[in-house]
Amino acid sequence: MFEYNNIKINYKEYGKKDGNPIIFLHGWGQNIEMMEPIANPFEDTHHLIIIDLPGFGLSDEPTSNWDLSNYVEMINNLVQKLELKNITIIGHSFGGKLAIMYALKYPVYKLILLASPFKQKITKVSTKVKILKTLKKIPGLKKFENFAKSHMGSTDYKNASPIMRDILVKHVNTDLSKEVNQIKCPTLIIWGTKDDDVPYEDAKELESLIPDSGLVTYEGCTHYAYLERLNQTISVLKSFLN
């Protein structure tokens, strides 16, 4: 555990302490365990750090309404605390967006993005949402707002606390498409063609935008392609990291 902005953040540090460091960032609603299958194979060669991002796993929730830059500063605080140099960052989904943002601000040796959103997600407003917005204008119904929110929208949104819902909205609305071309480090992108959360078309666009990048495509795999073809992922990572 370490403390940042008065919240406790859980992380796992293991592997070869004098090896090149790799930081693993999980997706929304996940935890350290989701990254261990691709971290453990590098235990004998690399210095491994997996973070329970604030609000998930054993880490505290933010006590204020964080935006994504707060997560980036938290990661950099740990990098400084552990005196890490030449870091590689591997991020899945939400963790991948944070990895992109980190690489845009701080030095990164190599970057690995697993189904990582980088554009604002455009969603159609459902009839239910339109009704809710109308009802919110009626005096006396505002007190039911949190209850209504918890019974509509995505599963991630329903399962989140009020603070985490606000952070999720900021995540969804953060668009990095005009900035990713500034990433200078070698970047590996892994994506499944059947990803319903972040479409495969985004993977091809991301590859075209990041100058020194390459895309590995997993035919027929979903948002969790990196786990669905775990052995292939480990092989690809070893080739890229070495």
C-alpha atoms as a PDB file:
ATOM      1  CA  MET A   1       0.000   0.000   0.000  1.00  0.00           C
ATOM      2  CA  PHE A   2       0.977   3.625  -0.486  1.00  0.00           C
ATOM      3  CA  GLU A   3      -0.886   6.830   0.236  1.00  0.00           C
ATOM      4  CA  TYR A   4      -1.717   9.506  -2.294  1.00  0.00           C
ATOM      5  CA  ASN A   5      -3.956  12.511  -1.608  1.00  0.00           C
ATOM      6  CA  ASN A   6      -5.090  10.917   1.662  1.00  0.00           C
ATOM      7  CA  ILE A   7      -6.299   7.682   0.064  1.00  0.00           C
ATOM      8  CA  LYS A   8      -4.686   4.267   0.353  1.00  0.00           C
ATOM      9  CA  ILE A   9      -3.745   2.578  -2.900  1.00  0.00           C
ATOM     10  CA  ASN A  10      -2.936  -1.099  -3.168  1.00  0.00           C
ATOM     11  CA  TYR A  11      -0.269  -2.364  -5.516  1.00  0.00           C
ATOM     12  CA  LYS A  12       1.740  -5.527  -6.026  1.00  0.00           C
ATOM     13  CA  GLU A  13       5.490  -5.313  -6.623  1.00  0.00           C
ATOM     14  CA  TYR A  14       7.488  -8.414  -7.487  1.00  0.00           C
ATOM     15  CA  GLY A  15       9.818  -9.964 -10.014  1.00  0.00           C
ATOM     16  CA  LYS A  16      13.424  -9.052 -10.746  1.00  0.00           C
ATOM     17  CA  LYS A  17      14.129  -5.819  -8.888  1.00  0.00           C
ATOM     18  CA  ASP A  18      17.013  -4.825 -11.180  1.00  0.00           C
ATOM     19  CA  GLY A  19      15.062  -5.722 -14.325  1.00  0.00           C
ATOM     20  CA  ASN A  20      13.321  -3.223 -16.567  1.00  0.00           C
ATOM     21  CA  PRO A  21      10.085  -2.115 -14.853  1.00  0.00           C
ATOM     22  CA  ILE A  22       6.632  -2.845 -16.251  1.00  0.00           C
ATOM     23  CA  ILE A  23       3.528  -1.165 -14.824  1.00  0.00           C
ATOM     24  CA  PHE A  24       0.191  -2.904 -15.401  1.00  0.00           C
ATOM     25  CA  LEU A  25      -3.085  -0.934 -15.387  1.00  0.00           C
ATOM     26  CA  HIS A  26      -6.358  -2.850 -15.367  1.00  0.00           C
ATOM     27  CA  GLY A  27      -9.691  -1.896 -16.895  1.00  0.00           C
ATOM     28  CA  TRP A  28     -12.776  -0.372 -15.318  1.00  0.00           C
ATOM     29  CA  GLY A  29     -14.337  -2.513 -12.579  1.00  0.00           C
ATOM     30  CA  GLN A  30     -11.334  -4.863 -12.505  1.00  0.00           C
ATOM     31  CA  ASN A  31      -8.342  -5.345 -10.216  1.00  0.00           C
ATOM     32  CA  ILE A  32      -4.787  -6.652  -9.943  1.00  0.00           C
ATOM     33  CA  GLU A  33      -5.857 -10.238 -10.610  1.00  0.00           C
ATOM     34  CA  MET A  34      -6.945  -9.395 -14.163  1.00  0.00           C
ATOM     35  CA  MET A  35      -3.388  -8.419 -15.074  1.00  0.00           C
ATOM     36  CA  GLU A  36      -1.485 -11.187 -13.285  1.00  0.00           C
ATOM     37  CA  PRO A  37      -1.834 -13.743 -16.126  1.00  0.00           C
ATOM     38  CA  ILE A  38       0.209 -11.504 -18.455  1.00  0.00           C
ATOM     39  CA  ALA A  39       2.537 -10.254 -15.708  1.00  0.00           C
ATOM     40  CA  ASN A  40       3.607 -13.523 -14.082  1.00  0.00           C
ATOM     41  CA  PRO A  41       5.491 -14.874 -17.136  1.00  0.00           C
ATOM     42  CA  PHE A  42       7.913 -11.925 -16.788  1.00  0.00           C
ATOM     43  CA  GLU A  43       8.663 -12.489 -13.103  1.00  0.00           C
ATOM     44  CA  ASP A  44      12.205 -13.769 -13.797  1.00  0.00           C
ATOM     45  CA  THR A  45      13.171 -10.998 -16.206  1.00  0.00           C
ATOM     46  CA  HIS A  46      11.369  -7.778 -15.241  1.00  0.00           C
ATOM     47  CA  HIS A  47      10.477  -5.603 -12.260  1.00  0.00           C
ATOM     48  CA  LEU A  48       6.671  -5.872 -12.102  1.00  0.00           C
ATOM     49  CA  ILE A  49       4.204  -3.421 -10.598  1.00  0.00           C
ATOM     50  CA  ILE A  50       0.432  -3.977 -10.788  1.00  0.00           C
ATOM     51  CA  ILE A  51      -1.840  -1.287  -9.358  1.00  0.00           C
ATOM     52  CA  ASP A  52      -5.358  -1.565  -7.997  1.00  0.00           C
ATOM     53  CA  LEU A  53      -6.535   1.707  -9.482  1.00  0.00           C
ATOM     54  CA  PRO A  54      -8.349   3.954  -6.957  1.00  0.00           C
ATOM     55  CA  GLY A  55     -11.954   2.862  -6.648  1.00  0.00           C
ATOM     56  CA  PHE A  56     -11.198  -0.777  -7.473  1.00  0.00           C
ATOM     57  CA  GLY A  57      -9.745  -3.866  -5.818  1.00  0.00           C
ATOM     58  CA  LEU A  58      -8.286  -3.122  -2.395  1.00  0.00           C
ATOM     59  CA  SER A  59      -7.646   0.563  -3.112  1.00  0.00           C
ATOM     60  CA  ASP A  60      -9.770   3.324  -1.622  1.00  0.00           C
ATOM     61  CA  GLU A  61     -12.126   5.344  -3.747  1.00  0.00           C
ATOM     62  CA  PRO A  62     -11.094   8.927  -4.428  1.00  0.00           C
ATOM     63  CA  THR A  63     -12.532  11.216  -1.780  1.00  0.00           C
ATOM     64  CA  SER A  64     -13.177  13.926  -4.360  1.00  0.00           C
ATOM     65  CA  ASN A  65     -14.334  13.994  -7.945  1.00  0.00           C
ATOM     66  CA  TRP A  66     -11.150  12.946  -9.765  1.00  0.00           C
ATOM     67  CA  ASP A  67     -10.632  13.288 -13.460  1.00  0.00           C
ATOM     68  CA  LEU A  68      -8.277  11.098 -15.459  1.00  0.00           C
ATOM     69  CA  SER A  69      -5.317  13.427 -14.930  1.00  0.00           C
ATOM     70  CA  ASN A  70      -5.538  12.696 -11.194  1.00  0.00           C
ATOM     71  CA  TYR A  71      -5.039   8.991 -11.953  1.00  0.00           C
ATOM     72  CA  VAL A  72      -2.037   9.843 -14.133  1.00  0.00           C
ATOM     73  CA  GLU A  73      -0.480  11.913 -11.336  1.00  0.00           C
ATOM     74  CA  MET A  74      -1.097   9.073  -8.879  1.00  0.00           C
ATOM     75  CA  ILE A  75       0.741   6.656 -11.186  1.00  0.00           C
ATOM     76  CA  ASN A  76       3.634   9.078 -11.550  1.00  0.00           C
ATOM     77  CA  ASN A  77       3.750   9.507  -7.772  1.00  0.00           C
ATOM     78  CA  LEU A  78       4.316   5.749  -7.446  1.00  0.00           C
ATOM     79  CA  VAL A  79       6.915   5.810 -10.243  1.00  0.00           C
ATOM     80  CA  GLN A  80       8.824   8.479  -8.330  1.00  0.00           C
ATOM     81  CA  LYS A  81       8.391   6.684  -5.000  1.00  0.00           C
ATOM     82  CA  LEU A  82       9.846   3.459  -6.423  1.00  0.00           C
ATOM     83  CA  GLU A  83      12.514   5.367  -8.379  1.00  0.00           C
ATOM     84  CA  LEU A  84      11.591   3.626 -11.616  1.00  0.00           C
ATOM     85  CA  LYS A  85      13.389   4.380 -14.873  1.00  0.00           C
ATOM     86  CA  ASN A  86      12.696   3.344 -18.473  1.00  0.00           C
ATOM     87  CA  ILE A  87       9.201   2.116 -17.646  1.00  0.00           C
ATOM     88  CA  THR A  88       6.956   0.101 -19.897  1.00  0.00           C
ATOM     89  CA  ILE A  89       3.224   0.541 -19.309  1.00  0.00           C
ATOM     90  CA  ILE A  90       0.637  -2.086 -20.216  1.00  0.00           C
ATOM     91  CA  GLY A  91      -2.970  -0.938 -19.973  1.00  0.00           C
ATOM     92  CA  HIS A  92      -6.275  -2.641 -20.707  1.00  0.00           C
ATOM     93  CA  SER A  93      -9.360  -0.582 -21.579  1.00  0.00           C
ATOM     94  CA  PHE A  94      -9.655   2.219 -18.965  1.00  0.00           C
ATOM     95  CA  GLY A  95      -6.097   1.430 -17.881  1.00  0.00           C
ATOM     96  CA  GLY A  96      -5.028   1.788 -21.496  1.00  0.00           C
ATOM     97  CA  LYS A  97      -6.490   5.267 -21.730  1.00  0.00           C
ATOM     98  CA  LEU A  98      -4.558   6.180 -18.578  1.00  0.00           C
ATOM     99  CA  ALA A  99      -1.423   4.672 -20.139  1.00  0.00           C
ATOM    100  CA  ILE A 100      -1.895   6.877 -23.220  1.00  0.00           C
ATOM    101  CA  MET A 101      -2.307   9.954 -21.057  1.00  0.00           C
ATOM    102  CA  TYR A 102       0.769   9.050 -19.021  1.00  0.00           C
ATOM    103  CA  ALA A 103       2.869   8.585 -22.168  1.00  0.00           C
ATOM    104  CA  LEU A 104       1.733  11.988 -23.422  1.00  0.00           C
ATOM    105  CA  LYS A 105       3.048  13.675 -20.275  1.00  0.00           C
ATOM    106  CA  TYR A 106       5.915  11.575 -18.905  1.00  0.00           C
ATOM    107  CA  PRO A 107       8.775   9.496 -20.379  1.00  0.00           C
ATOM    108  CA  VAL A 108       7.805   5.929 -21.306  1.00  0.00           C
ATOM    109  CA  TYR A 109      10.180   3.363 -22.760  1.00  0.00           C
ATOM    110  CA  LYS A 110       7.496   1.218 -24.390  1.00  0.00           C
ATOM    111  CA  LEU A 111       3.698   1.313 -24.422  1.00  0.00           C
ATOM    112  CA  ILE A 112       1.291  -1.607 -24.776  1.00  0.00           C
ATOM    113  CA  LEU A 113      -2.407  -0.928 -25.316  1.00  0.00           C
ATOM    114  CA  LEU A 114      -5.008  -3.663 -24.925  1.00  0.00           C
ATOM    115  CA  ALA A 115      -8.393  -2.593 -26.329  1.00  0.00           C
ATOM    116  CA  SER A 116      -7.753   0.946 -25.118  1.00  0.00           C
ATOM    117  CA  PRO A 117     -10.360   3.626 -25.837  1.00  0.00           C
ATOM    118  CA  PHE A 118      -8.952   6.969 -26.897  1.00  0.00           C
ATOM    119  CA  LYS A 119     -11.963   8.808 -28.317  1.00  0.00           C
ATOM    120  CA  GLN A 120     -15.104  10.207 -26.769  1.00  0.00           C
ATOM    121  CA  LYS A 121     -17.727   7.501 -26.769  1.00  0.00           C
ATOM    122  CA  ILE A 122     -20.870   8.648 -28.531  1.00  0.00           C
ATOM    123  CA  THR A 123     -23.979   6.960 -27.206  1.00  0.00           C
ATOM    124  CA  LYS A 124     -27.563   7.440 -28.286  1.00  0.00           C
ATOM    125  CA  VAL A 125     -29.897   8.839 -25.641  1.00  0.00           C
ATOM    126  CA  SER A 126     -32.499   6.200 -24.859  1.00  0.00           C
ATOM    127  CA  THR A 127     -36.176   6.906 -24.260  1.00  0.00           C
ATOM    128  CA  LYS A 128     -35.629   6.046 -20.591  1.00  0.00           C
ATOM    129  CA  VAL A 129     -32.911   8.699 -20.279  1.00  0.00           C
ATOM    130  CA  LYS A 130     -35.096  11.293 -22.002  1.00  0.00           C
ATOM    131  CA  ILE A 131     -37.914  10.519 -19.576  1.00  0.00           C
ATOM    132  CA  LEU A 132     -35.543  10.823 -16.608  1.00  0.00           C
ATOM    133  CA  LYS A 133     -34.323  14.220 -17.786  1.00  0.00           C
ATOM    134  CA  THR A 134     -37.921  15.371 -18.063  1.00  0.00           C
ATOM    135  CA  LEU A 135     -38.838  14.070 -14.613  1.00  0.00           C
ATOM    136  CA  LYS A 136     -35.801  15.777 -13.061  1.00  0.00           C
ATOM    137  CA  LYS A 137     -37.365  19.129 -13.952  1.00  0.00           C
ATOM    138  CA  ILE A 138     -40.466  18.362 -11.908  1.00  0.00           C
ATOM    139  CA  PRO A 139     -40.286  19.751  -8.322  1.00  0.00           C
ATOM    140  CA  GLY A 140     -39.978  17.073  -5.645  1.00  0.00           C
ATOM    141  CA  LEU A 141     -38.495  14.342  -7.846  1.00  0.00           C
ATOM    142  CA  LYS A 142     -34.812  15.354  -7.667  1.00  0.00           C
ATOM    143  CA  LYS A 143     -34.343  13.283  -4.488  1.00  0.00           C
ATOM    144  CA  PHE A 144     -34.947  10.166  -6.621  1.00  0.00           C
ATOM    145  CA  GLU A 145     -32.141  11.059  -9.049  1.00  0.00           C
ATOM    146  CA  ASN A 146     -29.496   8.679  -7.636  1.00  0.00           C
ATOM    147  CA  PHE A 147     -32.029   5.847  -7.439  1.00  0.00           C
ATOM    148  CA  ALA A 148     -33.038   6.417 -11.045  1.00  0.00           C
ATOM    149  CA  LYS A 149     -29.427   6.578 -12.225  1.00  0.00           C
ATOM    150  CA  SER A 150     -28.665   3.260 -10.546  1.00  0.00           C
ATOM    151  CA  HIS A 151     -31.442   1.595 -12.522  1.00  0.00           C
ATOM    152  CA  MET A 152     -30.504   2.812 -15.979  1.00  0.00           C
ATOM    153  CA  GLY A 153     -27.490   2.945 -18.244  1.00  0.00           C
ATOM    154  CA  SER A 154     -24.550   0.567 -18.489  1.00  0.00           C
ATOM    155  CA  THR A 155     -23.713  -2.119 -15.955  1.00  0.00           C
ATOM    156  CA  ASP A 156     -20.542  -0.221 -15.040  1.00  0.00           C
ATOM    157  CA  TYR A 157     -22.591   2.875 -14.334  1.00  0.00           C
ATOM    158  CA  LYS A 158     -25.187   0.979 -12.294  1.00  0.00           C
ATOM    159  CA  ASN A 159     -22.544  -0.699 -10.143  1.00  0.00           C
ATOM    160  CA  ALA A 160     -20.601   2.483  -9.400  1.00  0.00           C
ATOM    161  CA  SER A 161     -20.844   4.795  -6.407  1.00  0.00           C
ATOM    162  CA  PRO A 162     -21.804   8.439  -7.098  1.00  0.00           C
ATOM    163  CA  ILE A 163     -18.146   9.538  -7.173  1.00  0.00           C
ATOM    164  CA  MET A 164     -17.114   6.660  -9.436  1.00  0.00           C
ATOM    165  CA  ARG A 165     -20.076   7.357 -11.733  1.00  0.00           C
ATOM    166  CA  ASP A 166     -18.818  10.899 -12.196  1.00  0.00           C
ATOM    167  CA  ILE A 167     -15.329   9.592 -12.944  1.00  0.00           C
ATOM    168  CA  LEU A 168     -16.749   7.076 -15.420  1.00  0.00           C
ATOM    169  CA  VAL A 169     -18.589   9.855 -17.249  1.00  0.00           C
ATOM    170  CA  LYS A 170     -15.348  11.862 -17.442  1.00  0.00           C
ATOM    171  CA  HIS A 171     -13.550   8.751 -18.761  1.00  0.00           C
ATOM    172  CA  VAL A 172     -16.159   8.210 -21.476  1.00  0.00           C
ATOM    173  CA  ASN A 173     -16.081  11.888 -22.463  1.00  0.00           C
ATOM    174  CA  THR A 174     -12.289  12.208 -22.621  1.00  0.00           C
ATOM    175  CA  ASP A 175     -11.133  12.418 -26.241  1.00  0.00           C
ATOM    176  CA  LEU A 176      -7.413  11.948 -26.964  1.00  0.00           C
ATOM    177  CA  SER A 177      -7.686  11.528 -30.728  1.00  0.00           C
ATOM    178  CA  LYS A 178      -5.969  14.855 -31.430  1.00  0.00           C
ATOM    179  CA  GLU A 179      -3.096  14.125 -29.055  1.00  0.00           C
ATOM    180  CA  VAL A 180      -2.090  10.478 -29.560  1.00  0.00           C
ATOM    181  CA  ASN A 181       0.096  11.390 -32.546  1.00  0.00           C
ATOM    182  CA  GLN A 182       2.454  13.007 -30.017  1.00  0.00           C
ATOM    183  CA  ILE A 183       3.360   9.637 -28.478  1.00  0.00           C
ATOM    184  CA  LYS A 184       7.022   9.015 -29.303  1.00  0.00           C
ATOM    185  CA  CYS A 185       7.728   5.611 -27.742  1.00  0.00           C
ATOM    186  CA  PRO A 186       7.315   2.264 -29.540  1.00  0.00           C
ATOM    187  CA  THR A 187       3.697   1.185 -29.077  1.00  0.00           C
ATOM    188  CA  LEU A 188       2.117  -2.247 -29.374  1.00  0.00           C
ATOM    189  CA  ILE A 189      -1.652  -2.461 -29.853  1.00  0.00           C
ATOM    190  CA  ILE A 190      -3.599  -5.704 -29.278  1.00  0.00           C
ATOM    191  CA  TRP A 191      -7.302  -5.897 -30.163  1.00  0.00           C
ATOM    192  CA  GLY A 192     -10.084  -8.394 -30.855  1.00  0.00           C
ATOM    193  CA  THR A 193     -12.266  -8.044 -33.949  1.00  0.00           C
ATOM    194  CA  LYS A 194     -15.427  -8.826 -31.946  1.00  0.00           C
ATOM    195  CA  ASP A 195     -14.854  -6.160 -29.299  1.00  0.00           C
ATOM    196  CA  ASP A 196     -18.291  -4.724 -28.488  1.00  0.00           C
ATOM    197  CA  ASP A 197     -16.948  -2.198 -25.971  1.00  0.00           C
ATOM    198  CA  VAL A 198     -14.293  -0.498 -28.093  1.00  0.00           C
ATOM    199  CA  PRO A 199     -14.740  -1.318 -31.804  1.00  0.00           C
ATOM    200  CA  TYR A 200     -11.924  -2.808 -33.835  1.00  0.00           C
ATOM    201  CA  GLU A 201     -12.113   0.159 -36.218  1.00  0.00           C
ATOM    202  CA  ASP A 202     -10.708   2.254 -33.364  1.00  0.00           C
ATOM    203  CA  ALA A 203      -7.678  -0.050 -33.210  1.00  0.00           C
ATOM    204  CA  LYS A 204      -6.847   0.595 -36.852  1.00  0.00           C
ATOM    205  CA  GLU A 205      -7.322   4.322 -36.382  1.00  0.00           C
ATOM    206  CA  LEU A 206      -5.109   4.318 -33.282  1.00  0.00           C
ATOM    207  CA  GLU A 207      -2.359   2.523 -35.201  1.00  0.00           C
ATOM    208  CA  SER A 208      -2.549   5.126 -37.955  1.00  0.00           C
ATOM    209  CA  LEU A 209      -2.275   7.976 -35.453  1.00  0.00           C
ATOM    210  CA  ILE A 210       0.623   6.794 -33.253  1.00  0.00           C
ATOM    211  CA  PRO A 211       3.819   7.145 -35.340  1.00  0.00           C
ATOM    212  CA  ASP A 212       5.831   4.161 -34.042  1.00  0.00           C
ATOM    213  CA  SER A 213       3.079   1.601 -33.499  1.00  0.00           C
ATOM    214  CA  GLY A 214       1.977  -1.825 -34.636  1.00  0.00           C
ATOM    215  CA  LEU A 215      -1.373  -3.611 -34.375  1.00  0.00           C
ATOM    216  CA  VAL A 216      -1.819  -7.294 -33.514  1.00  0.00           C
ATOM    217  CA  THR A 217      -5.313  -8.490 -34.431  1.00  0.00           C
ATOM    218  CA  TYR A 218      -7.107 -11.376 -32.715  1.00  0.00           C
ATOM    219  CA  GLU A 219      -9.826 -12.599 -35.054  1.00  0.00           C
ATOM    220  CA  GLY A 220     -13.108 -13.421 -33.315  1.00  0.00           C
ATOM    221  CA  CYS A 221     -11.995 -12.215 -29.877  1.00  0.00           C
ATOM    222  CA  THR A 222     -13.780  -9.776 -27.582  1.00  0.00           C
ATOM    223  CA  HIS A 223     -12.816  -6.887 -25.301  1.00  0.00           C
ATOM    224  CA  TYR A 224     -10.777  -9.403 -23.292  1.00  0.00           C
ATOM    225  CA  ALA A 225      -8.830 -10.697 -26.274  1.00  0.00           C
ATOM    226  CA  TYR A 226      -5.531 -10.525 -24.369  1.00  0.00           C
ATOM    227  CA  LEU A 227      -6.826 -13.227 -21.996  1.00  0.00           C
ATOM    228  CA  GLU A 228      -8.779 -15.236 -24.547  1.00  0.00           C
ATOM    229  CA  ARG A 229      -5.533 -15.915 -26.369  1.00  0.00           C
ATOM    230  CA  LEU A 230      -3.261 -15.748 -23.364  1.00  0.00           C
ATOM    231  CA  ASN A 231      -0.403 -17.837 -24.754  1.00  0.00           C
ATOM    232  CA  GLN A 232      -0.313 -15.782 -27.951  1.00  0.00           C
ATOM    233  CA  THR A 233      -0.389 -12.568 -25.911  1.00  0.00           C
ATOM    234  CA  ILE A 234       2.558 -13.684 -23.791  1.00  0.00           C
ATOM    235  CA  SER A 235       4.506 -14.625 -26.902  1.00  0.00           C
ATOM    236  CA  VAL A 236       3.776 -11.263 -28.563  1.00  0.00           C
ATOM    237  CA  LEU A 237       4.710  -9.363 -25.394  1.00  0.00           C
ATOM    238  CA  LYS A 238       7.996 -11.224 -25.036  1.00  0.00           C
ATOM    239  CA  SER A 239       8.916 -10.415 -28.619  1.00  0.00           C
ATOM    240  CA  PHE A 240       8.048  -6.736 -28.198  1.00  0.00           C
ATOM    241  CA  LEU A 241       9.708  -6.314 -24.798  1.00  0.00           C
ATOM    242  CA  ASN A 242      12.926  -8.043 -25.810  1.00  0.00           C
END
